[in-house]
Amino acid sequence: MGRLERRLLSITDQLEDLQEEERLLIEELAYHRSLADDAARDAAVFDDPIERENAALTSGDVKRSERRLQQLSDRRQKLETRRARLLEKLG
């Protein structure tokens, strides 16, 4: 097996790992969004400082998860571009 083929296999493995990580993060993000919605609702209804703090914390969890998901997506796109170039070379 040549160097290009090994690089292609490595990229394919990385893409599979990223796909699984994205899948898990999407599920986690749905959970965080649900918690954030509940916390925001509680903060609005009860107008309690602790509820407002909880709403801010859960909102931060959502934002962090969304940023991480975007990072994974960017990484996947770079790997897919690299894989396409290698396939053209292998062509």
PDB file of N, CA and C in Angstrom:
ATOM      1  N   MET A   1       0.842  -1.161   0.000  1.00  0.00           N
ATOM      2  CA  MET A   1       0.000   0.000   0.000  1.00  0.00           C
ATOM      3  C   MET A   1       0.897   1.237   0.000  1.00  0.00           C
ATOM      4  N   GLY A   2       0.576   2.167  -0.869  1.00  0.00           N
ATOM      5  CA  GLY A   2       1.376   3.374  -1.006  1.00  0.00           C
ATOM      6  C   GLY A   2       1.045   4.431   0.035  1.00  0.00           C
ATOM      7  N   ARG A   3       1.844   5.467  -0.008  1.00  0.00           N
ATOM      8  CA  ARG A   3       1.689   6.551   0.954  1.00  0.00           C
ATOM      9  C   ARG A   3       0.334   7.240   0.813  1.00  0.00           C
ATOM     10  N   LEU A   4      -0.097   7.492  -0.418  1.00  0.00           N
ATOM     11  CA  LEU A   4      -1.395   8.139  -0.638  1.00  0.00           C
ATOM     12  C   LEU A   4      -2.537   7.302  -0.073  1.00  0.00           C
ATOM     13  N   GLU A   5      -2.481   6.014  -0.297  1.00  0.00           N
ATOM     14  CA  GLU A   5      -3.526   5.145   0.204  1.00  0.00           C
ATOM     15  C   GLU A   5      -3.578   5.155   1.732  1.00  0.00           C
ATOM     16  N   ARG A   6      -2.400   5.149   2.356  1.00  0.00           N
ATOM     17  CA  ARG A   6      -2.356   5.198   3.824  1.00  0.00           C
ATOM     18  C   ARG A   6      -2.932   6.514   4.339  1.00  0.00           C
ATOM     19  N   ARG A   7      -2.600   7.606   3.665  1.00  0.00           N
ATOM     20  CA  ARG A   7      -3.143   8.904   4.069  1.00  0.00           C
ATOM     21  C   ARG A   7      -4.664   8.931   3.896  1.00  0.00           C
ATOM     22  N   LEU A   8      -5.142   8.344   2.806  1.00  0.00           N
ATOM     23  CA  LEU A   8      -6.595   8.282   2.578  1.00  0.00           C
ATOM     24  C   LEU A   8      -7.285   7.467   3.668  1.00  0.00           C
ATOM     25  N   LEU A   9      -6.700   6.343   4.021  1.00  0.00           N
ATOM     26  CA  LEU A   9      -7.275   5.523   5.087  1.00  0.00           C
ATOM     27  C   LEU A   9      -7.287   6.268   6.420  1.00  0.00           C
ATOM     28  N   SER A  10      -6.217   6.988   6.693  1.00  0.00           N
ATOM     29  CA  SER A  10      -6.146   7.765   7.933  1.00  0.00           C
ATOM     30  C   SER A  10      -7.226   8.845   7.965  1.00  0.00           C
ATOM     31  N   ILE A  11      -7.400   9.538   6.854  1.00  0.00           N
ATOM     32  CA  ILE A  11      -8.429  10.582   6.781  1.00  0.00           C
ATOM     33  C   ILE A  11      -9.817   9.968   6.914  1.00  0.00           C
ATOM     34  N   THR A  12     -10.032   8.835   6.293  1.00  0.00           N
ATOM     35  CA  THR A  12     -11.325   8.161   6.398  1.00  0.00           C
ATOM     36  C   THR A  12     -11.615   7.775   7.848  1.00  0.00           C
ATOM     37  N   ASP A  13     -10.609   7.267   8.537  1.00  0.00           N
ATOM     38  CA  ASP A  13     -10.775   6.936   9.957  1.00  0.00           C
ATOM     39  C   ASP A  13     -11.092   8.176  10.785  1.00  0.00           C
ATOM     40  N   GLN A  14     -10.392   9.260  10.510  1.00  0.00           N
ATOM     41  CA  GLN A  14     -10.646  10.509  11.232  1.00  0.00           C
ATOM     42  C   GLN A  14     -12.065  11.017  10.967  1.00  0.00           C
ATOM     43  N   LEU A  15     -12.512  10.905   9.727  1.00  0.00           N
ATOM     44  CA  LEU A  15     -13.870  11.338   9.382  1.00  0.00           C
ATOM     45  C   LEU A  15     -14.920  10.493  10.102  1.00  0.00           C
ATOM     46  N   GLU A  16     -14.686   9.206  10.208  1.00  0.00           N
ATOM     47  CA  GLU A  16     -15.618   8.339  10.930  1.00  0.00           C
ATOM     48  C   GLU A  16     -15.676   8.716  12.408  1.00  0.00           C
ATOM     49  N   ASP A  17     -14.511   8.991  12.986  1.00  0.00           N
ATOM     50  CA  ASP A  17     -14.465   9.412  14.395  1.00  0.00           C
ATOM     51  C   ASP A  17     -15.204  10.735  14.591  1.00  0.00           C
ATOM     52  N   LEU A  18     -14.992  11.675  13.688  1.00  0.00           N
ATOM     53  CA  LEU A  18     -15.672  12.968  13.768  1.00  0.00           C
ATOM     54  C   LEU A  18     -17.176  12.815  13.634  1.00  0.00           C
ATOM     55  N   GLN A  19     -17.595  11.938  12.729  1.00  0.00           N
ATOM     56  CA  GLN A  19     -19.025  11.718  12.528  1.00  0.00           C
ATOM     57  C   GLN A  19     -19.675  11.201  13.821  1.00  0.00           C
ATOM     58  N   GLU A  20     -19.019  10.294  14.485  1.00  0.00           N
ATOM     59  CA  GLU A  20     -19.547   9.765  15.743  1.00  0.00           C
ATOM     60  C   GLU A  20     -19.556  10.849  16.822  1.00  0.00           C
ATOM     61  N   GLU A  21     -18.483  11.624  16.895  1.00  0.00           N
ATOM     62  CA  GLU A  21     -18.421  12.699  17.884  1.00  0.00           C
ATOM     63  C   GLU A  21     -19.516  13.743  17.619  1.00  0.00           C
ATOM     64  N   GLU A  22     -19.755  14.057  16.347  1.00  0.00           N
ATOM     65  CA  GLU A  22     -20.825  14.991  16.000  1.00  0.00           C
ATOM     66  C   GLU A  22     -22.192  14.436  16.398  1.00  0.00           C
ATOM     67  N   ARG A  23     -22.402  13.171  16.144  1.00  0.00           N
ATOM     68  CA  ARG A  23     -23.678  12.546  16.478  1.00  0.00           C
ATOM     69  C   ARG A  23     -23.947  12.641  17.988  1.00  0.00           C
ATOM     70  N   LEU A  24     -22.933  12.319  18.765  1.00  0.00           N
ATOM     71  CA  LEU A  24     -23.083  12.381  20.220  1.00  0.00           C
ATOM     72  C   LEU A  24     -23.292  13.821  20.701  1.00  0.00           C
ATOM     73  N   LEU A  25     -22.570  14.740  20.108  1.00  0.00           N
ATOM     74  CA  LEU A  25     -22.695  16.137  20.512  1.00  0.00           C
ATOM     75  C   LEU A  25     -24.064  16.710  20.138  1.00  0.00           C
ATOM     76  N   ILE A  26     -24.619  16.296  19.026  1.00  0.00           N
ATOM     77  CA  ILE A  26     -25.955  16.741  18.628  1.00  0.00           C
ATOM     78  C   ILE A  26     -26.987  16.274  19.652  1.00  0.00           C
ATOM     79  N   GLU A  27     -26.852  15.036  20.117  1.00  0.00           N
ATOM     80  CA  GLU A  27     -27.757  14.532  21.152  1.00  0.00           C
ATOM     81  C   GLU A  27     -27.579  15.305  22.455  1.00  0.00           C
ATOM     82  N   GLU A  28     -26.332  15.564  22.817  1.00  0.00           N
ATOM     83  CA  GLU A  28     -26.052  16.316  24.039  1.00  0.00           C
ATOM     84  C   GLU A  28     -26.591  17.747  23.926  1.00  0.00           C
ATOM     85  N   LEU A  29     -26.450  18.341  22.754  1.00  0.00           N
ATOM     86  CA  LEU A  29     -26.937  19.700  22.537  1.00  0.00           C
ATOM     87  C   LEU A  29     -28.454  19.775  22.688  1.00  0.00           C
ATOM     88  N   ALA A  30     -29.156  18.774  22.196  1.00  0.00           N
ATOM     89  CA  ALA A  30     -30.614  18.748  22.356  1.00  0.00           C
ATOM     90  C   ALA A  30     -30.978  18.719  23.842  1.00  0.00           C
ATOM     91  N   TYR A  31     -30.238  17.961  24.605  1.00  0.00           N
ATOM     92  CA  TYR A  31     -30.463  17.882  26.054  1.00  0.00           C
ATOM     93  C   TYR A  31     -30.208  19.244  26.711  1.00  0.00           C
ATOM     94  N   HIS A  32     -29.069  19.866  26.370  1.00  0.00           N
ATOM     95  CA  HIS A  32     -28.739  21.171  26.932  1.00  0.00           C
ATOM     96  C   HIS A  32     -29.777  22.230  26.540  1.00  0.00           C
ATOM     97  N   ARG A  33     -30.249  22.180  25.317  1.00  0.00           N
ATOM     98  CA  ARG A  33     -31.270  23.141  24.880  1.00  0.00           C
ATOM     99  C   ARG A  33     -32.553  22.971  25.678  1.00  0.00           C
ATOM    100  N   SER A  34     -32.925  21.744  25.934  1.00  0.00           N
ATOM    101  CA  SER A  34     -34.129  21.476  26.721  1.00  0.00           C
ATOM    102  C   SER A  34     -33.974  22.029  28.139  1.00  0.00           C
ATOM    103  N   LEU A  35     -32.822  21.774  28.742  1.00  0.00           N
ATOM    104  CA  LEU A  35     -32.564  22.308  30.082  1.00  0.00           C
ATOM    105  C   LEU A  35     -32.560  23.837  30.082  1.00  0.00           C
ATOM    106  N   ALA A  36     -31.961  24.424  29.065  1.00  0.00           N
ATOM    107  CA  ALA A  36     -31.886  25.884  28.980  1.00  0.00           C
ATOM    108  C   ALA A  36     -33.276  26.491  28.819  1.00  0.00           C
ATOM    109  N   ASP A  37     -34.113  25.850  28.009  1.00  0.00           N
ATOM    110  CA  ASP A  37     -35.492  26.340  27.849  1.00  0.00           C
ATOM    111  C   ASP A  37     -36.243  26.294  29.177  1.00  0.00           C
ATOM    112  N   ASP A  38     -36.110  25.184  29.879  1.00  0.00           N
ATOM    113  CA  ASP A  38     -36.772  25.061  31.186  1.00  0.00           C
ATOM    114  C   ASP A  38     -36.247  26.100  32.171  1.00  0.00           C
ATOM    115  N   ALA A  39     -34.935  26.295  32.185  1.00  0.00           N
ATOM    116  CA  ALA A  39     -34.338  27.248  33.120  1.00  0.00           C
ATOM    117  C   ALA A  39     -34.768  28.679  32.793  1.00  0.00           C
ATOM    118  N   ALA A  40     -34.825  29.012  31.510  1.00  0.00           N
ATOM    119  CA  ALA A  40     -35.261  30.357  31.115  1.00  0.00           C
ATOM    120  C   ALA A  40     -36.721  30.582  31.506  1.00  0.00           C
ATOM    121  N   ARG A  41     -37.525  29.567  31.326  1.00  0.00           N
ATOM    122  CA  ARG A  41     -38.941  29.655  31.705  1.00  0.00           C
ATOM    123  C   ARG A  41     -39.085  29.837  33.213  1.00  0.00           C
ATOM    124  N   ASP A  42     -38.343  29.056  33.968  1.00  0.00           N
ATOM    125  CA  ASP A  42     -38.391  29.180  35.432  1.00  0.00           C
ATOM    126  C   ASP A  42     -37.923  30.561  35.886  1.00  0.00           C
ATOM    127  N   ALA A  43     -36.870  31.075  35.249  1.00  0.00           N
ATOM    128  CA  ALA A  43     -36.359  32.398  35.614  1.00  0.00           C
ATOM    129  C   ALA A  43     -37.395  33.476  35.334  1.00  0.00           C
ATOM    130  N   ALA A  44     -38.126  33.334  34.238  1.00  0.00           N
ATOM    131  CA  ALA A  44     -39.151  34.322  33.895  1.00  0.00           C
ATOM    132  C   ALA A  44     -40.356  34.237  34.832  1.00  0.00           C
ATOM    133  N   VAL A  45     -40.737  33.024  35.186  1.00  0.00           N
ATOM    134  CA  VAL A  45     -41.925  32.834  36.015  1.00  0.00           C
ATOM    135  C   VAL A  45     -41.658  33.208  37.470  1.00  0.00           C
ATOM    136  N   PHE A  46     -40.538  32.746  38.013  1.00  0.00           N
ATOM    137  CA  PHE A  46     -40.281  32.922  39.441  1.00  0.00           C
ATOM    138  C   PHE A  46     -39.504  34.196  39.775  1.00  0.00           C
ATOM    139  N   ASP A  47     -38.853  34.793  38.790  1.00  0.00           N
ATOM    140  CA  ASP A  47     -38.083  36.024  38.990  1.00  0.00           C
ATOM    141  C   ASP A  47     -37.191  35.926  40.227  1.00  0.00           C
ATOM    142  N   ASP A  48     -36.475  34.815  40.297  1.00  0.00           N
ATOM    143  CA  ASP A  48     -35.595  34.531  41.428  1.00  0.00           C
ATOM    144  C   ASP A  48     -34.142  34.631  40.938  1.00  0.00           C
ATOM    145  N   PRO A  49     -33.242  35.267  41.699  1.00  0.00           N
ATOM    146  CA  PRO A  49     -31.840  35.386  41.266  1.00  0.00           C
ATOM    147  C   PRO A  49     -31.170  34.033  41.005  1.00  0.00           C
ATOM    148  N   ILE A  50     -31.505  33.052  41.788  1.00  0.00           N
ATOM    149  CA  ILE A  50     -30.916  31.720  41.585  1.00  0.00           C
ATOM    150  C   ILE A  50     -31.405  31.124  40.269  1.00  0.00           C
ATOM    151  N   GLU A  51     -32.668  31.318  39.970  1.00  0.00           N
ATOM    152  CA  GLU A  51     -33.214  30.814  38.697  1.00  0.00           C
ATOM    153  C   GLU A  51     -32.573  31.544  37.518  1.00  0.00           C
ATOM    154  N   ARG A  52     -32.344  32.845  37.658  1.00  0.00           N
ATOM    155  CA  ARG A  52     -31.697  33.605  36.580  1.00  0.00           C
ATOM    156  C   ARG A  52     -30.257  33.137  36.376  1.00  0.00           C
ATOM    157  N   GLU A  53     -29.576  32.859  37.474  1.00  0.00           N
ATOM    158  CA  GLU A  53     -28.199  32.355  37.371  1.00  0.00           C
ATOM    159  C   GLU A  53     -28.182  30.982  36.696  1.00  0.00           C
ATOM    160  N   ASN A  54     -29.120  30.137  37.074  1.00  0.00           N
ATOM    161  CA  ASN A  54     -29.224  28.813  36.458  1.00  0.00           C
ATOM    162  C   ASN A  54     -29.506  28.946  34.961  1.00  0.00           C
ATOM    163  N   ALA A  55     -30.366  29.883  34.586  1.00  0.00           N
ATOM    164  CA  ALA A  55     -30.676  30.106  33.173  1.00  0.00           C
ATOM    165  C   ALA A  55     -29.430  30.561  32.419  1.00  0.00           C
ATOM    166  N   ALA A  56     -28.640  31.421  33.033  1.00  0.00           N
ATOM    167  CA  ALA A  56     -27.408  31.887  32.390  1.00  0.00           C
ATOM    168  C   ALA A  56     -26.402  30.747  32.225  1.00  0.00           C
ATOM    169  N   LEU A  57     -26.297  29.921  33.243  1.00  0.00           N
ATOM    170  CA  LEU A  57     -25.364  28.788  33.171  1.00  0.00           C
ATOM    171  C   LEU A  57     -25.762  27.792  32.094  1.00  0.00           C
ATOM    172  N   THR A  58     -27.031  27.463  32.043  1.00  0.00           N
ATOM    173  CA  THR A  58     -27.476  26.490  31.035  1.00  0.00           C
ATOM    174  C   THR A  58     -27.390  27.070  29.635  1.00  0.00           C
ATOM    175  N   SER A  59     -27.614  28.363  29.504  1.00  0.00           N
ATOM    176  CA  SER A  59     -27.457  29.020  28.204  1.00  0.00           C
ATOM    177  C   SER A  59     -25.998  28.952  27.759  1.00  0.00           C
ATOM    178  N   GLY A  60     -25.084  29.100  28.707  1.00  0.00           N
ATOM    179  CA  GLY A  60     -23.662  28.968  28.396  1.00  0.00           C
ATOM    180  C   GLY A  60     -23.296  27.574  27.921  1.00  0.00           C
ATOM    181  N   ASP A  61     -23.928  26.568  28.511  1.00  0.00           N
ATOM    182  CA  ASP A  61     -23.694  25.183  28.068  1.00  0.00           C
ATOM    183  C   ASP A  61     -24.120  25.001  26.617  1.00  0.00           C
ATOM    184  N   VAL A  62     -25.251  25.591  26.261  1.00  0.00           N
ATOM    185  CA  VAL A  62     -25.737  25.495  24.882  1.00  0.00           C
ATOM    186  C   VAL A  62     -24.747  26.161  23.935  1.00  0.00           C
ATOM    187  N   LYS A  63     -24.297  27.355  24.286  1.00  0.00           N
ATOM    188  CA  LYS A  63     -23.367  28.089  23.416  1.00  0.00           C
ATOM    189  C   LYS A  63     -22.054  27.338  23.254  1.00  0.00           C
ATOM    190  N   ARG A  64     -21.542  26.761  24.333  1.00  0.00           N
ATOM    191  CA  ARG A  64     -20.300  25.979  24.242  1.00  0.00           C
ATOM    192  C   ARG A  64     -20.482  24.762  23.336  1.00  0.00           C
ATOM    193  N   SER A  65     -21.606  24.089  23.485  1.00  0.00           N
ATOM    194  CA  SER A  65     -21.868  22.910  22.643  1.00  0.00           C
ATOM    195  C   SER A  65     -22.012  23.306  21.179  1.00  0.00           C
ATOM    196  N   GLU A  66     -22.661  24.425  20.925  1.00  0.00           N
ATOM    197  CA  GLU A  66     -22.818  24.887  19.541  1.00  0.00           C
ATOM    198  C   GLU A  66     -21.464  25.259  18.934  1.00  0.00           C
ATOM    199  N   ARG A  67     -20.608  25.906  19.725  1.00  0.00           N
ATOM    200  CA  ARG A  67     -19.268  26.236  19.225  1.00  0.00           C
ATOM    201  C   ARG A  67     -18.476  24.971  18.915  1.00  0.00           C
ATOM    202  N   ARG A  68     -18.557  24.004  19.802  1.00  0.00           N
ATOM    203  CA  ARG A  68     -17.836  22.744  19.582  1.00  0.00           C
ATOM    204  C   ARG A  68     -18.361  22.023  18.347  1.00  0.00           C
ATOM    205  N   LEU A  69     -19.660  22.041  18.143  1.00  0.00           N
ATOM    206  CA  LEU A  69     -20.245  21.418  16.958  1.00  0.00           C
ATOM    207  C   LEU A  69     -19.757  22.115  15.693  1.00  0.00           C
ATOM    208  N   GLN A  70     -19.657  23.438  15.728  1.00  0.00           N
ATOM    209  CA  GLN A  70     -19.146  24.174  14.573  1.00  0.00           C
ATOM    210  C   GLN A  70     -17.681  23.837  14.318  1.00  0.00           C
ATOM    211  N   GLN A  71     -16.897  23.694  15.379  1.00  0.00           N
ATOM    212  CA  GLN A  71     -15.491  23.310  15.222  1.00  0.00           C
ATOM    213  C   GLN A  71     -15.368  21.938  14.578  1.00  0.00           C
ATOM    214  N   LEU A  72     -16.206  21.015  15.003  1.00  0.00           N
ATOM    215  CA  LEU A  72     -16.175  19.676  14.415  1.00  0.00           C
ATOM    216  C   LEU A  72     -16.569  19.720  12.941  1.00  0.00           C
ATOM    217  N   SER A  73     -17.561  20.518  12.632  1.00  0.00           N
ATOM    218  CA  SER A  73     -18.005  20.657  11.246  1.00  0.00           C
ATOM    219  C   SER A  73     -16.889  21.250  10.380  1.00  0.00           C
ATOM    220  N   ASP A  74     -16.221  22.270  10.896  1.00  0.00           N
ATOM    221  CA  ASP A  74     -15.108  22.873  10.155  1.00  0.00           C
ATOM    222  C   ASP A  74     -14.001  21.858   9.925  1.00  0.00           C
ATOM    223  N   ARG A  75     -13.690  21.099  10.952  1.00  0.00           N
ATOM    224  CA  ARG A  75     -12.634  20.072  10.830  1.00  0.00           C
ATOM    225  C   ARG A  75     -13.037  19.016   9.795  1.00  0.00           C
ATOM    226  N   ARG A  76     -14.306  18.600   9.829  1.00  0.00           N
ATOM    227  CA  ARG A  76     -14.777  17.607   8.865  1.00  0.00           C
ATOM    228  C   ARG A  76     -14.650  18.137   7.440  1.00  0.00           C
ATOM    229  N   GLN A  77     -15.026  19.385   7.224  1.00  0.00           N
ATOM    230  CA  GLN A  77     -14.936  19.970   5.883  1.00  0.00           C
ATOM    231  C   GLN A  77     -13.496  20.013   5.387  1.00  0.00           C
ATOM    232  N   LYS A  78     -12.560  20.354   6.267  1.00  0.00           N
ATOM    233  CA  LYS A  78     -11.146  20.380   5.880  1.00  0.00           C
ATOM    234  C   LYS A  78     -10.664  18.983   5.503  1.00  0.00           C
ATOM    235  N   LEU A  79     -11.061  17.999   6.301  1.00  0.00           N
ATOM    236  CA  LEU A  79     -10.651  16.627   5.999  1.00  0.00           C
ATOM    237  C   LEU A  79     -11.262  16.138   4.691  1.00  0.00           C
ATOM    238  N   GLU A  80     -12.515  16.489   4.440  1.00  0.00           N
ATOM    239  CA  GLU A  80     -13.159  16.084   3.191  1.00  0.00           C
ATOM    240  C   GLU A  80     -12.482  16.727   1.989  1.00  0.00           C
ATOM    241  N   THR A  81     -12.065  17.975   2.139  1.00  0.00           N
ATOM    242  CA  THR A  81     -11.341  18.653   1.059  1.00  0.00           C
ATOM    243  C   THR A  81      -9.999  17.978   0.821  1.00  0.00           C
ATOM    244  N   ARG A  82      -9.298  17.666   1.904  1.00  0.00           N
ATOM    245  CA  ARG A  82      -8.007  16.983   1.784  1.00  0.00           C
ATOM    246  C   ARG A  82      -8.183  15.607   1.138  1.00  0.00           C
ATOM    247  N   ARG A  83      -9.236  14.902   1.537  1.00  0.00           N
ATOM    248  CA  ARG A  83      -9.493  13.579   0.961  1.00  0.00           C
ATOM    249  C   ARG A  83      -9.784  13.696  -0.527  1.00  0.00           C
ATOM    250  N   ALA A  84     -10.553  14.695  -0.938  1.00  0.00           N
ATOM    251  CA  ALA A  84     -10.871  14.879  -2.359  1.00  0.00           C
ATOM    252  C   ALA A  84      -9.603  15.153  -3.168  1.00  0.00           C
ATOM    253  N   ARG A  85      -8.698  15.968  -2.620  1.00  0.00           N
ATOM    254  CA  ARG A  85      -7.431  16.231  -3.329  1.00  0.00           C
ATOM    255  C   ARG A  85      -6.598  14.967  -3.469  1.00  0.00           C
ATOM    256  N   LEU A  86      -6.566  14.171  -2.416  1.00  0.00           N
ATOM    257  CA  LEU A  86      -5.796  12.923  -2.481  1.00  0.00           C
ATOM    258  C   LEU A  86      -6.409  11.962  -3.496  1.00  0.00           C
ATOM    259  N   LEU A  87      -7.727  11.919  -3.537  1.00  0.00           N
ATOM    260  CA  LEU A  87      -8.389  11.039  -4.515  1.00  0.00           C
ATOM    261  C   LEU A  87      -8.083  11.484  -5.944  1.00  0.00           C
ATOM    262  N   GLU A  88      -8.016  12.790  -6.160  1.00  0.00           N
ATOM    263  CA  GLU A  88      -7.659  13.302  -7.500  1.00  0.00           C
ATOM    264  C   GLU A  88      -6.238  12.880  -7.870  1.00  0.00           C
ATOM    265  N   LYS A  89      -5.322  12.970  -6.900  1.00  0.00           N
ATOM    266  CA  LYS A  89      -3.934  12.551  -7.149  1.00  0.00           C
ATOM    267  C   LYS A  89      -3.866  11.062  -7.442  1.00  0.00           C
ATOM    268  N   LEU A  90      -4.668  10.314  -6.717  1.00  0.00           N
ATOM    269  CA  LEU A  90      -4.663   8.859  -6.881  1.00  0.00           C
ATOM    270  C   LEU A  90      -5.271   8.470  -8.222  1.00  0.00           C
ATOM    271  N   GLY A  91      -6.285   9.261  -8.621  1.00  0.00           N
ATOM    272  CA  GLY A  91      -7.076   9.180  -9.797  1.00  0.00           C
ATOM    273  C   GLY A  91      -6.838   8.224 -10.819  1.00  0.00           C
TER     274      GLY A  91
END
